[in-house]
Amino acid sequence: MERSSPHLDIPRATMKSPRRFCWRERTEKVNWRMLKALDLADVVRRGDPTLLEPYALHVTFARLPATATARDPGDRDAWFVVRVLQLAIEYLLFMRARDGDVLDSLGQELQQCER
């Protein structure tokens, strides 16, 4: 039986299989009022990344202007960078959820082994 790791003696078959990743369509309008209300200095001062989560989720799935329609090359480049960040955040969110599933499976295995 295939093992999940040389350090963990847990059969891979008992772990939940990860969901398949696919990009989600961006359908939400950008809520500029919400974004302007974000006090970044306060977020940094508190050192609490969970304060950013609702904003990051909103920006990640917001529908942005097409970079091809921007007239100014600087605007085009800025929107391109934001789009890259959207995709990166979406993938990181997927990985976080998948890692949570794996940790749950490992926790269940550990509980069964301790019985």
Protein backbone atom coordinates (compact mmCIF):
# COMPACT_ATOMS: atom_id res chain seq x y z
CA MET A 1 0.00 0.00 0.00
CA GLU A 2 1.36 3.44 -0.94
CA ARG A 3 2.29 5.66 1.99
CA SER A 4 1.62 9.40 2.16
CA SER A 5 5.03 10.29 3.54
CA PRO A 6 8.16 8.55 4.73
CA HIS A 7 7.71 10.36 8.06
CA LEU A 8 4.05 9.47 8.53
CA ASP A 9 2.98 5.88 8.41
CA ILE A 10 -0.52 6.67 7.16
CA PRO A 11 -1.88 4.93 4.07
CA ARG A 12 -2.68 7.40 1.31
CA ALA A 13 -5.93 5.57 0.56
CA THR A 14 -7.38 6.68 3.90
CA MET A 15 -6.80 10.37 3.19
CA LYS A 16 -9.43 12.45 1.42
CA SER A 17 -8.53 12.96 -2.19
CA PRO A 18 -7.96 16.63 -3.02
CA ARG A 19 -10.54 18.43 -5.08
CA ARG A 20 -9.52 19.31 -8.59
CA PHE A 21 -8.53 22.95 -8.96
CA CYS A 22 -10.18 25.17 -11.54
CA TRP A 23 -10.33 28.95 -11.86
CA ARG A 24 -13.54 30.60 -10.74
CA GLU A 25 -15.22 33.20 -12.90
CA ARG A 26 -14.96 36.78 -11.67
CA THR A 27 -18.53 38.07 -11.47
CA GLU A 28 -18.64 40.47 -8.52
CA LYS A 29 -18.49 44.22 -9.02
CA VAL A 30 -15.63 45.94 -7.22
CA ASN A 31 -16.97 47.50 -4.03
CA TRP A 32 -14.81 50.60 -3.90
CA ARG A 33 -16.62 51.94 -0.83
CA MET A 34 -15.70 48.82 1.14
CA LEU A 35 -12.10 48.89 -0.08
CA LYS A 36 -11.67 52.59 0.72
CA ALA A 37 -12.86 51.92 4.28
CA LEU A 38 -9.93 49.55 4.87
CA ASP A 39 -7.37 51.12 7.20
CA LEU A 40 -4.15 49.41 6.14
CA ALA A 41 -2.13 51.15 8.85
CA ASP A 42 -4.48 49.65 11.44
CA VAL A 43 -4.13 46.18 9.89
CA VAL A 44 -0.33 46.45 10.02
CA ARG A 45 -0.35 47.89 13.55
CA ARG A 46 -2.57 45.07 14.84
CA GLY A 47 -0.59 42.41 13.00
CA ASP A 48 -3.79 40.46 12.40
CA PRO A 49 -4.03 39.08 8.85
CA THR A 50 -7.60 37.90 9.45
CA LEU A 51 -8.67 41.54 9.21
CA LEU A 52 -7.68 41.43 5.53
CA GLU A 53 -9.51 38.23 4.68
CA PRO A 54 -12.88 39.71 3.62
CA TYR A 55 -11.11 42.32 1.51
CA ALA A 56 -8.79 39.75 -0.07
CA LEU A 57 -11.75 37.50 -0.89
CA HIS A 58 -13.62 40.40 -2.44
CA VAL A 59 -10.68 41.53 -4.57
CA THR A 60 -9.86 37.96 -5.57
CA PHE A 61 -13.27 37.33 -7.10
CA ALA A 62 -14.07 40.84 -8.33
CA ARG A 63 -14.57 41.50 -12.02
CA LEU A 64 -11.82 43.87 -13.13
CA PRO A 65 -11.52 45.97 -16.26
CA ALA A 66 -9.91 44.10 -19.12
CA THR A 67 -6.24 45.04 -19.37
CA ALA A 68 -6.58 45.32 -23.14
CA THR A 69 -9.09 48.18 -22.79
CA ALA A 70 -6.83 50.35 -20.63
CA ARG A 71 -5.41 53.21 -22.68
CA ASP A 72 -2.54 54.14 -20.41
CA PRO A 73 0.27 51.55 -20.39
CA GLY A 74 0.74 52.20 -16.66
CA ASP A 75 -2.93 51.39 -16.02
CA ARG A 76 -2.68 48.32 -18.22
CA ASP A 77 0.35 47.10 -16.27
CA ALA A 78 -1.29 47.81 -12.91
CA TRP A 79 -4.46 45.89 -13.83
CA PHE A 80 -2.30 43.04 -15.13
CA VAL A 81 -0.48 42.83 -11.78
CA VAL A 82 -3.79 42.89 -9.89
CA ARG A 83 -5.08 40.07 -12.12
CA VAL A 84 -1.96 38.00 -11.41
CA LEU A 85 -2.50 38.59 -7.69
CA GLN A 86 -6.15 37.55 -8.02
CA LEU A 87 -5.13 34.23 -9.51
CA ALA A 88 -2.37 33.71 -6.95
CA ILE A 89 -4.72 34.39 -4.03
CA GLU A 90 -7.36 32.09 -5.49
CA TYR A 91 -4.84 29.28 -5.75
CA LEU A 92 -3.57 29.90 -2.22
CA LEU A 93 -7.15 29.78 -0.92
CA PHE A 94 -7.63 26.46 -2.69
CA MET A 95 -4.42 25.09 -1.19
CA ARG A 96 -5.41 26.28 2.29
CA ALA A 97 -8.76 24.51 2.00
CA ARG A 98 -7.11 21.36 0.67
CA ASP A 99 -4.51 21.40 3.43
CA GLY A 100 -7.33 21.74 5.96
CA ASP A 101 -8.96 18.63 4.50
CA VAL A 102 -5.67 16.74 4.75
CA LEU A 103 -5.16 17.87 8.34
CA ASP A 104 -8.69 16.76 9.22
CA SER A 105 -7.99 13.34 7.73
CA LEU A 106 -4.71 13.06 9.60
CA GLY A 107 -6.42 14.07 12.84
CA GLN A 108 -9.04 11.37 12.36
CA GLU A 109 -6.33 8.80 11.66
CA LEU A 110 -4.47 9.86 14.79
CA GLN A 111 -7.60 9.55 16.90
CA GLN A 112 -8.22 6.06 15.55
CA CYS A 113 -4.63 5.04 16.26
CA GLU A 114 -4.86 6.34 19.84
CA ARG A 115 -7.93 4.23 20.61
